[in-house]
PDB file of all heavy atoms in Angstrom:
ATOM      1  N   ALA A   1       0.802  -1.219   0.000  1.00  0.00           N
ATOM      2  CA  ALA A   1       0.000   0.000   0.000  1.00  0.00           C
ATOM      3  C   ALA A   1       0.839   1.275   0.000  1.00  0.00           C
ATOM      4  O   ALA A   1       0.527   2.223  -0.744  1.00  0.00           O
ATOM      5  CB  ALA A   1      -0.967  -0.009   1.186  1.00  0.00           C
ATOM      6  N   PRO A   2       1.915   1.390   0.817  1.00  0.00           N
ATOM      7  CA  PRO A   2       2.702   2.631   0.785  1.00  0.00           C
ATOM      8  C   PRO A   2       3.294   2.934  -0.590  1.00  0.00           C
ATOM      9  O   PRO A   2       3.274   4.085  -1.036  1.00  0.00           O
ATOM     10  CB  PRO A   2       3.804   2.371   1.818  1.00  0.00           C
ATOM     11  CG  PRO A   2       3.210   1.386   2.759  1.00  0.00           C
ATOM     12  CD  PRO A   2       2.380   0.484   1.895  1.00  0.00           C
ATOM     13  N   THR A   3       3.808   1.912  -1.261  1.00  0.00           N
ATOM     14  CA  THR A   3       4.374   2.121  -2.597  1.00  0.00           C
ATOM     15  C   THR A   3       3.294   2.532  -3.585  1.00  0.00           C
ATOM     16  O   THR A   3       3.489   3.459  -4.394  1.00  0.00           O
ATOM     17  CB  THR A   3       5.068   0.837  -3.090  1.00  0.00           C
ATOM     18  OG1 THR A   3       6.157   0.536  -2.212  1.00  0.00           O
ATOM     19  CG2 THR A   3       5.592   1.001  -4.508  1.00  0.00           C
ATOM     20  N   ALA A   4       2.140   1.851  -3.545  1.00  0.00           N
ATOM     21  CA  ALA A   4       1.035   2.182  -4.449  1.00  0.00           C
ATOM     22  C   ALA A   4       0.550   3.608  -4.215  1.00  0.00           C
ATOM     23  O   ALA A   4       0.276   4.356  -5.162  1.00  0.00           O
ATOM     24  CB  ALA A   4      -0.108   1.191  -4.270  1.00  0.00           C
ATOM     25  N   ALA A   5       0.434   3.994  -2.931  1.00  0.00           N
ATOM     26  CA  ALA A   5      -0.038   5.339  -2.607  1.00  0.00           C
ATOM     27  C   ALA A   5       0.966   6.397  -3.044  1.00  0.00           C
ATOM     28  O   ALA A   5       0.592   7.448  -3.594  1.00  0.00           O
ATOM     29  CB  ALA A   5      -0.302   5.449  -1.105  1.00  0.00           C
ATOM     30  N   ALA A   6       2.248   6.148  -2.822  1.00  0.00           N
ATOM     31  CA  ALA A   6       3.283   7.100  -3.241  1.00  0.00           C
ATOM     32  C   ALA A   6       3.275   7.267  -4.760  1.00  0.00           C
ATOM     33  O   ALA A   6       3.391   8.387  -5.281  1.00  0.00           O
ATOM     34  CB  ALA A   6       4.655   6.621  -2.771  1.00  0.00           C
ATOM     35  N   HIS A   7       3.146   6.155  -5.466  1.00  0.00           N
ATOM     36  CA  HIS A   7       3.074   6.203  -6.933  1.00  0.00           C
ATOM     37  C   HIS A   7       1.877   7.030  -7.379  1.00  0.00           C
ATOM     38  O   HIS A   7       1.987   7.859  -8.293  1.00  0.00           O
ATOM     39  CB  HIS A   7       2.980   4.782  -7.485  1.00  0.00           C
ATOM     40  CG  HIS A   7       2.796   4.718  -8.972  1.00  0.00           C
ATOM     41  ND1 HIS A   7       3.770   5.101  -9.862  1.00  0.00           N
ATOM     42  CD2 HIS A   7       1.724   4.325  -9.724  1.00  0.00           C
ATOM     43  CE1 HIS A   7       3.330   4.936 -11.093  1.00  0.00           C
ATOM     44  NE2 HIS A   7       2.093   4.480 -11.036  1.00  0.00           N
ATOM     45  N   GLN A   8       0.732   6.839  -6.724  1.00  0.00           N
ATOM     46  CA  GLN A   8      -0.480   7.562  -7.099  1.00  0.00           C
ATOM     47  C   GLN A   8      -0.315   9.066  -6.883  1.00  0.00           C
ATOM     48  O   GLN A   8      -0.733   9.872  -7.729  1.00  0.00           O
ATOM     49  CB  GLN A   8      -1.674   7.046  -6.276  1.00  0.00           C
ATOM     50  CG  GLN A   8      -2.996   7.743  -6.558  1.00  0.00           C
ATOM     51  CD  GLN A   8      -3.522   7.497  -7.959  1.00  0.00           C
ATOM     52  OE1 GLN A   8      -2.974   6.657  -8.701  1.00  0.00           O
ATOM     53  NE2 GLN A   8      -4.563   8.201  -8.344  1.00  0.00           N
ATOM     54  N   ILE A   9       0.298   9.464  -5.790  1.00  0.00           N
ATOM     55  CA  ILE A   9       0.498  10.895  -5.507  1.00  0.00           C
ATOM     56  C   ILE A   9       1.335  11.547  -6.609  1.00  0.00           C
ATOM     57  O   ILE A   9       0.962  12.576  -7.183  1.00  0.00           O
ATOM     58  CB  ILE A   9       1.174  11.080  -4.133  1.00  0.00           C
ATOM     59  CG1 ILE A   9       0.183  10.759  -3.008  1.00  0.00           C
ATOM     60  CG2 ILE A   9       1.708  12.507  -3.976  1.00  0.00           C
ATOM     61  CD1 ILE A   9       0.832  10.678  -1.643  1.00  0.00           C
ATOM     62  N   VAL A  10       2.475  10.943  -6.903  1.00  0.00           N
ATOM     63  CA  VAL A  10       3.375  11.548  -7.896  1.00  0.00           C
ATOM     64  C   VAL A  10       2.760  11.474  -9.293  1.00  0.00           C
ATOM     65  O   VAL A  10       2.891  12.407 -10.096  1.00  0.00           O
ATOM     66  CB  VAL A  10       4.754  10.870  -7.855  1.00  0.00           C
ATOM     67  CG1 VAL A  10       5.711  11.554  -8.827  1.00  0.00           C
ATOM     68  CG2 VAL A  10       5.339  10.920  -6.449  1.00  0.00           C
ATOM     69  N   LEU A  11       2.056  10.388  -9.580  1.00  0.00           N
ATOM     70  CA  LEU A  11       1.424  10.247 -10.895  1.00  0.00           C
ATOM     71  C   LEU A  11       0.335  11.291 -11.105  1.00  0.00           C
ATOM     72  O   LEU A  11       0.164  11.827 -12.215  1.00  0.00           O
ATOM     73  CB  LEU A  11       0.847   8.841 -11.053  1.00  0.00           C
ATOM     74  CG  LEU A  11       0.406   8.456 -12.470  1.00  0.00           C
ATOM     75  CD1 LEU A  11       1.602   8.447 -13.421  1.00  0.00           C
ATOM     76  CD2 LEU A  11      -0.261   7.083 -12.464  1.00  0.00           C
ATOM     77  N   GLN A  12      -0.438  11.619 -10.052  1.00  0.00           N
ATOM     78  CA  GLN A  12      -1.471  12.644 -10.188  1.00  0.00           C
ATOM     79  C   GLN A  12      -0.855  14.016 -10.422  1.00  0.00           C
ATOM     80  O   GLN A  12      -1.411  14.838 -11.163  1.00  0.00           O
ATOM     81  CB  GLN A  12      -2.361  12.656  -8.944  1.00  0.00           C
ATOM     82  CG  GLN A  12      -3.291  11.460  -8.844  1.00  0.00           C
ATOM     83  CD  GLN A  12      -4.106  11.239 -10.110  1.00  0.00           C
ATOM     84  OE1 GLN A  12      -4.804  12.136 -10.568  1.00  0.00           O
ATOM     85  NE2 GLN A  12      -4.002  10.056 -10.686  1.00  0.00           N
ATOM     86  N   LEU A  13       0.290  14.282  -9.806  1.00  0.00           N
ATOM     87  CA  LEU A  13       0.990  15.535 -10.082  1.00  0.00           C
ATOM     88  C   LEU A  13       1.526  15.557 -11.515  1.00  0.00           C
ATOM     89  O   LEU A  13       1.525  16.597 -12.176  1.00  0.00           O
ATOM     90  CB  LEU A  13       2.129  15.731  -9.076  1.00  0.00           C
ATOM     91  CG  LEU A  13       1.671  16.085  -7.659  1.00  0.00           C
ATOM     92  CD1 LEU A  13       2.835  15.996  -6.684  1.00  0.00           C
ATOM     93  CD2 LEU A  13       1.058  17.480  -7.617  1.00  0.00           C
ATOM     94  N   TRP A  14       1.969  14.392 -11.990  1.00  0.00           N
ATOM     95  CA  TRP A  14       2.385  14.278 -13.398  1.00  0.00           C
ATOM     96  C   TRP A  14       1.204  14.603 -14.312  1.00  0.00           C
ATOM     97  O   TRP A  14       1.357  15.327 -15.301  1.00  0.00           O
ATOM     98  CB  TRP A  14       2.892  12.866 -13.663  1.00  0.00           C
ATOM     99  CG  TRP A  14       3.276  12.596 -15.093  1.00  0.00           C
ATOM    100  CD1 TRP A  14       2.464  12.127 -16.086  1.00  0.00           C
ATOM    101  CD2 TRP A  14       4.559  12.785 -15.694  1.00  0.00           C
ATOM    102  NE1 TRP A  14       3.165  12.013 -17.259  1.00  0.00           N
ATOM    103  CE2 TRP A  14       4.451  12.408 -17.045  1.00  0.00           C
ATOM    104  CE3 TRP A  14       5.781  13.220 -15.208  1.00  0.00           C
ATOM    105  CZ2 TRP A  14       5.530  12.471 -17.926  1.00  0.00           C
ATOM    106  CZ3 TRP A  14       6.855  13.281 -16.092  1.00  0.00           C
ATOM    107  CH2 TRP A  14       6.732  12.908 -17.426  1.00  0.00           C
ATOM    108  N   ALA A  15       0.023  14.090 -13.977  1.00  0.00           N
ATOM    109  CA  ALA A  15      -1.171  14.367 -14.775  1.00  0.00           C
ATOM    110  C   ALA A  15      -1.505  15.857 -14.754  1.00  0.00           C
ATOM    111  O   ALA A  15      -1.926  16.429 -15.772  1.00  0.00           O
ATOM    112  CB  ALA A  15      -2.349  13.557 -14.250  1.00  0.00           C
ATOM    113  N   PHE A  16      -1.301  16.499 -13.603  1.00  0.00           N
ATOM    114  CA  PHE A  16      -1.583  17.934 -13.500  1.00  0.00           C
ATOM    115  C   PHE A  16      -0.656  18.745 -14.411  1.00  0.00           C
ATOM    116  O   PHE A  16      -1.109  19.595 -15.181  1.00  0.00           O
ATOM    117  CB  PHE A  16      -1.418  18.396 -12.049  1.00  0.00           C
ATOM    118  CG  PHE A  16      -1.341  19.901 -11.911  1.00  0.00           C
ATOM    119  CD1 PHE A  16      -2.486  20.672 -12.017  1.00  0.00           C
ATOM    120  CD2 PHE A  16      -0.122  20.534 -11.718  1.00  0.00           C
ATOM    121  CE1 PHE A  16      -2.416  22.058 -11.923  1.00  0.00           C
ATOM    122  CE2 PHE A  16      -0.041  21.917 -11.617  1.00  0.00           C
ATOM    123  CZ  PHE A  16      -1.202  22.678 -11.714  1.00  0.00           C
ATOM    124  N   GLN A  17       0.647  18.495 -14.328  1.00  0.00           N
ATOM    125  CA  GLN A  17       1.547  19.281 -15.169  1.00  0.00           C
ATOM    126  C   GLN A  17       1.332  18.968 -16.644  1.00  0.00           C
ATOM    127  O   GLN A  17       1.558  19.825 -17.507  1.00  0.00           O
ATOM    128  CB  GLN A  17       3.013  19.065 -14.754  1.00  0.00           C
ATOM    129  CG  GLN A  17       3.535  17.639 -14.831  1.00  0.00           C
ATOM    130  CD  GLN A  17       4.046  17.242 -16.190  1.00  0.00           C
ATOM    131  OE1 GLN A  17       4.473  18.105 -16.935  1.00  0.00           O
ATOM    132  NE2 GLN A  17       4.017  15.970 -16.507  1.00  0.00           N
ATOM    133  N   ALA A  18       0.852  17.753 -16.933  1.00  0.00           N
ATOM    134  CA  ALA A  18       0.555  17.403 -18.326  1.00  0.00           C
ATOM    135  C   ALA A  18      -0.546  18.290 -18.889  1.00  0.00           C
ATOM    136  O   ALA A  18      -0.562  18.580 -20.095  1.00  0.00           O
ATOM    137  CB  ALA A  18       0.163  15.936 -18.430  1.00  0.00           C
ATOM    138  N   LEU A  19      -1.491  18.730 -18.030  1.00  0.00           N
ATOM    139  CA  LEU A  19      -2.555  19.620 -18.492  1.00  0.00           C
ATOM    140  C   LEU A  19      -1.978  20.930 -19.016  1.00  0.00           C
ATOM    141  O   LEU A  19      -2.373  21.424 -20.077  1.00  0.00           O
ATOM    142  CB  LEU A  19      -3.536  19.917 -17.352  1.00  0.00           C
ATOM    143  CG  LEU A  19      -4.418  18.773 -16.870  1.00  0.00           C
ATOM    144  CD1 LEU A  19      -5.249  19.225 -15.676  1.00  0.00           C
ATOM    145  CD2 LEU A  19      -5.332  18.302 -17.991  1.00  0.00           C
ATOM    146  N   VAL A  20      -1.034  21.510 -18.279  1.00  0.00           N
ATOM    147  CA  VAL A  20      -0.426  22.768 -18.703  1.00  0.00           C
ATOM    148  C   VAL A  20       0.350  22.573 -20.002  1.00  0.00           C
ATOM    149  O   VAL A  20       0.241  23.366 -20.945  1.00  0.00           O
ATOM    150  CB  VAL A  20       0.495  23.324 -17.610  1.00  0.00           C
ATOM    151  CG1 VAL A  20       1.107  24.648 -18.056  1.00  0.00           C
ATOM    152  CG2 VAL A  20      -0.275  23.514 -16.305  1.00  0.00           C
ATOM    153  N   LEU A  21       1.126  21.503 -20.063  1.00  0.00           N
ATOM    154  CA  LEU A  21       1.922  21.245 -21.258  1.00  0.00           C
ATOM    155  C   LEU A  21       1.031  20.883 -22.448  1.00  0.00           C
ATOM    156  O   LEU A  21       1.359  21.206 -23.597  1.00  0.00           O
ATOM    157  CB  LEU A  21       2.939  20.146 -20.975  1.00  0.00           C
ATOM    158  CG  LEU A  21       3.965  20.482 -19.883  1.00  0.00           C
ATOM    159  CD1 LEU A  21       4.854  19.281 -19.594  1.00  0.00           C
ATOM    160  CD2 LEU A  21       4.800  21.694 -20.256  1.00  0.00           C
ATOM    161  N   ASP A  22      -0.091  20.230 -22.194  1.00  0.00           N
ATOM    162  CA  ASP A  22      -1.043  19.934 -23.267  1.00  0.00           C
ATOM    163  C   ASP A  22      -1.651  21.212 -23.839  1.00  0.00           C
ATOM    164  O   ASP A  22      -1.970  21.282 -25.029  1.00  0.00           O
ATOM    165  CB  ASP A  22      -2.163  19.018 -22.757  1.00  0.00           C
ATOM    166  CG  ASP A  22      -1.859  17.551 -23.017  1.00  0.00           C
ATOM    167  OD1 ASP A  22      -0.944  17.263 -23.813  1.00  0.00           O
ATOM    168  OD2 ASP A  22      -2.535  16.692 -22.437  1.00  0.00           O
ATOM    169  N   ALA A  23      -1.841  22.219 -22.979  1.00  0.00           N
ATOM    170  CA  ALA A  23      -2.366  23.493 -23.470  1.00  0.00           C
ATOM    171  C   ALA A  23      -1.403  24.114 -24.484  1.00  0.00           C
ATOM    172  O   ALA A  23      -1.822  24.669 -25.507  1.00  0.00           O
ATOM    173  CB  ALA A  23      -2.617  24.450 -22.308  1.00  0.00           C
ATOM    174  N   VAL A  24      -0.100  24.021 -24.213  1.00  0.00           N
ATOM    175  CA  VAL A  24       0.905  24.503 -25.167  1.00  0.00           C
ATOM    176  C   VAL A  24       0.855  23.668 -26.446  1.00  0.00           C
ATOM    177  O   VAL A  24       0.960  24.194 -27.562  1.00  0.00           O
ATOM    178  CB  VAL A  24       2.313  24.453 -24.548  1.00  0.00           C
ATOM    179  CG1 VAL A  24       3.381  24.827 -25.569  1.00  0.00           C
ATOM    180  CG2 VAL A  24       2.393  25.381 -23.336  1.00  0.00           C
ATOM    181  N   ALA A  25       0.672  22.337 -26.294  1.00  0.00           N
ATOM    182  CA  ALA A  25       0.590  21.453 -27.459  1.00  0.00           C
ATOM    183  C   ALA A  25      -0.617  21.791 -28.329  1.00  0.00           C
ATOM    184  O   ALA A  25      -0.548  21.729 -29.556  1.00  0.00           O
ATOM    185  CB  ALA A  25       0.522  19.994 -27.000  1.00  0.00           C
ATOM    186  N   ILE A  26      -1.739  22.156 -27.694  1.00  0.00           N
ATOM    187  CA  ILE A  26      -2.933  22.533 -28.452  1.00  0.00           C
ATOM    188  C   ILE A  26      -2.667  23.802 -29.258  1.00  0.00           C
ATOM    189  O   ILE A  26      -3.058  23.912 -30.428  1.00  0.00           O
ATOM    190  CB  ILE A  26      -4.129  22.714 -27.495  1.00  0.00           C
ATOM    191  CG1 ILE A  26      -4.636  21.342 -27.042  1.00  0.00           C
ATOM    192  CG2 ILE A  26      -5.259  23.505 -28.159  1.00  0.00           C
ATOM    193  CD1 ILE A  26      -5.618  21.401 -25.898  1.00  0.00           C
ATOM    194  N   ALA A  27      -1.999  24.782 -28.628  1.00  0.00           N
ATOM    195  CA  ALA A  27      -1.632  25.994 -29.359  1.00  0.00           C
ATOM    196  C   ALA A  27      -0.719  25.649 -30.535  1.00  0.00           C
ATOM    197  O   ALA A  27      -0.882  26.185 -31.647  1.00  0.00           O
ATOM    198  CB  ALA A  27      -0.945  26.976 -28.416  1.00  0.00           C
ATOM    199  N   ALA A  28       0.239  24.744 -30.312  1.00  0.00           N
ATOM    200  CA  ALA A  28       1.149  24.332 -31.386  1.00  0.00           C
ATOM    201  C   ALA A  28       0.388  23.679 -32.529  1.00  0.00           C
ATOM    202  O   ALA A  28       0.669  23.945 -33.709  1.00  0.00           O
ATOM    203  CB  ALA A  28       2.201  23.372 -30.837  1.00  0.00           C
ATOM    204  N   GLN A  29      -0.569  22.815 -32.196  1.00  0.00           N
ATOM    205  CA  GLN A  29      -1.389  22.182 -33.227  1.00  0.00           C
ATOM    206  C   GLN A  29      -2.033  23.208 -34.142  1.00  0.00           C
ATOM    207  O   GLN A  29      -1.965  23.121 -35.367  1.00  0.00           O
ATOM    208  CB  GLN A  29      -2.511  21.371 -32.570  1.00  0.00           C
ATOM    209  CG  GLN A  29      -2.203  19.926 -32.316  1.00  0.00           C
ATOM    210  CD  GLN A  29      -3.485  19.209 -31.950  1.00  0.00           C
ATOM    211  OE1 GLN A  29      -3.912  19.240 -30.805  1.00  0.00           O
ATOM    212  NE2 GLN A  29      -4.097  18.575 -32.912  1.00  0.00           N
ATOM    213  N   SER A  30      -2.707  24.159 -33.522  1.00  0.00           N
ATOM    214  CA  SER A  30      -3.452  25.148 -34.290  1.00  0.00           C
ATOM    215  C   SER A  30      -2.535  26.024 -35.129  1.00  0.00           C
ATOM    216  O   SER A  30      -2.794  26.269 -36.315  1.00  0.00           O
ATOM    217  CB  SER A  30      -4.275  26.010 -33.317  1.00  0.00           C
ATOM    218  OG  SER A  30      -5.060  26.935 -34.022  1.00  0.00           O
ATOM    219  N   LEU A  31      -1.433  26.479 -34.542  1.00  0.00           N
ATOM    220  CA  LEU A  31      -0.521  27.386 -35.251  1.00  0.00           C
ATOM    221  C   LEU A  31       0.223  26.684 -36.382  1.00  0.00           C
ATOM    222  O   LEU A  31       0.383  27.236 -37.473  1.00  0.00           O
ATOM    223  CB  LEU A  31       0.468  27.991 -34.259  1.00  0.00           C
ATOM    224  CG  LEU A  31      -0.143  28.964 -33.232  1.00  0.00           C
ATOM    225  CD1 LEU A  31       0.842  29.238 -32.108  1.00  0.00           C
ATOM    226  CD2 LEU A  31      -0.568  30.259 -33.907  1.00  0.00           C
ATOM    227  N   VAL A  32       0.687  25.454 -36.124  1.00  0.00           N
ATOM    228  CA  VAL A  32       1.418  24.715 -37.156  1.00  0.00           C
ATOM    229  C   VAL A  32       0.481  24.315 -38.297  1.00  0.00           C
ATOM    230  O   VAL A  32       0.825  24.433 -39.478  1.00  0.00           O
ATOM    231  CB  VAL A  32       2.111  23.475 -36.553  1.00  0.00           C
ATOM    232  CG1 VAL A  32       2.602  22.535 -37.646  1.00  0.00           C
ATOM    233  CG2 VAL A  32       3.278  23.906 -35.682  1.00  0.00           C
ATOM    234  N   GLY A  33      -0.719  23.835 -37.940  1.00  0.00           N
ATOM    235  CA  GLY A  33      -1.680  23.483 -38.987  1.00  0.00           C
ATOM    236  C   GLY A  33      -2.012  24.660 -39.875  1.00  0.00           C
ATOM    237  O   GLY A  33      -2.040  24.546 -41.111  1.00  0.00           O
ATOM    238  N   ALA A  34      -2.235  25.826 -39.255  1.00  0.00           N
ATOM    239  CA  ALA A  34      -2.554  27.025 -40.033  1.00  0.00           C
ATOM    240  C   ALA A  34      -1.374  27.451 -40.900  1.00  0.00           C
ATOM    241  O   ALA A  34      -1.552  27.864 -42.050  1.00  0.00           O
ATOM    242  CB  ALA A  34      -2.963  28.156 -39.093  1.00  0.00           C
ATOM    243  N   ALA A  35      -0.159  27.341 -40.353  1.00  0.00           N
ATOM    244  CA  ALA A  35       1.033  27.714 -41.127  1.00  0.00           C
ATOM    245  C   ALA A  35       1.190  26.830 -42.352  1.00  0.00           C
ATOM    246  O   ALA A  35       1.475  27.315 -43.453  1.00  0.00           O
ATOM    247  CB  ALA A  35       2.277  27.623 -40.247  1.00  0.00           C
ATOM    248  N   LEU A  36       0.993  25.528 -42.187  1.00  0.00           N
ATOM    249  CA  LEU A  36       1.162  24.602 -43.317  1.00  0.00           C
ATOM    250  C   LEU A  36       0.049  24.745 -44.351  1.00  0.00           C
ATOM    251  O   LEU A  36       0.247  24.454 -45.523  1.00  0.00           O
ATOM    252  CB  LEU A  36       1.212  23.160 -42.803  1.00  0.00           C
ATOM    253  CG  LEU A  36       2.494  22.766 -42.067  1.00  0.00           C
ATOM    254  CD1 LEU A  36       2.355  21.373 -41.456  1.00  0.00           C
ATOM    255  CD2 LEU A  36       3.691  22.810 -43.004  1.00  0.00           C
ATOM    256  N   GLY A  37      -1.114  25.177 -43.905  1.00  0.00           N
ATOM    257  CA  GLY A  37      -2.228  25.327 -44.835  1.00  0.00           C
ATOM    258  C   GLY A  37      -2.191  26.603 -45.638  1.00  0.00           C
ATOM    259  O   GLY A  37      -2.917  26.735 -46.625  1.00  0.00           O
ATOM    260  N   ALA A  38      -1.365  27.570 -45.237  1.00  0.00           N
ATOM    261  CA  ALA A  38      -1.324  28.866 -45.913  1.00  0.00           C
ATOM    262  C   ALA A  38      -0.906  28.705 -47.374  1.00  0.00           C
ATOM    263  O   ALA A  38       0.036  27.972 -47.673  1.00  0.00           O
ATOM    264  CB  ALA A  38      -0.357  29.803 -45.195  1.00  0.00           C
ATOM    265  N   PRO A  39      -1.604  29.374 -48.295  1.00  0.00           N
ATOM    266  CA  PRO A  39      -1.359  29.175 -49.726  1.00  0.00           C
ATOM    267  C   PRO A  39      -0.193  30.019 -50.246  1.00  0.00           C
ATOM    268  O   PRO A  39      -0.371  30.895 -51.092  1.00  0.00           O
ATOM    269  CB  PRO A  39      -2.685  29.615 -50.355  1.00  0.00           C
ATOM    270  CG  PRO A  39      -3.189  30.674 -49.423  1.00  0.00           C
ATOM    271  CD  PRO A  39      -2.741  30.282 -48.050  1.00  0.00           C
TER     272      PRO A  39
END
């Protein structure tokens, strides 16, 4: 249980920071797609 609980704590923090980094990835998606589509 202690190992499982410790893993869960750190993993949830990993999930939290992934949200912020995913927001940057979403911006990258939109900007890169628009750049490549420009005629």
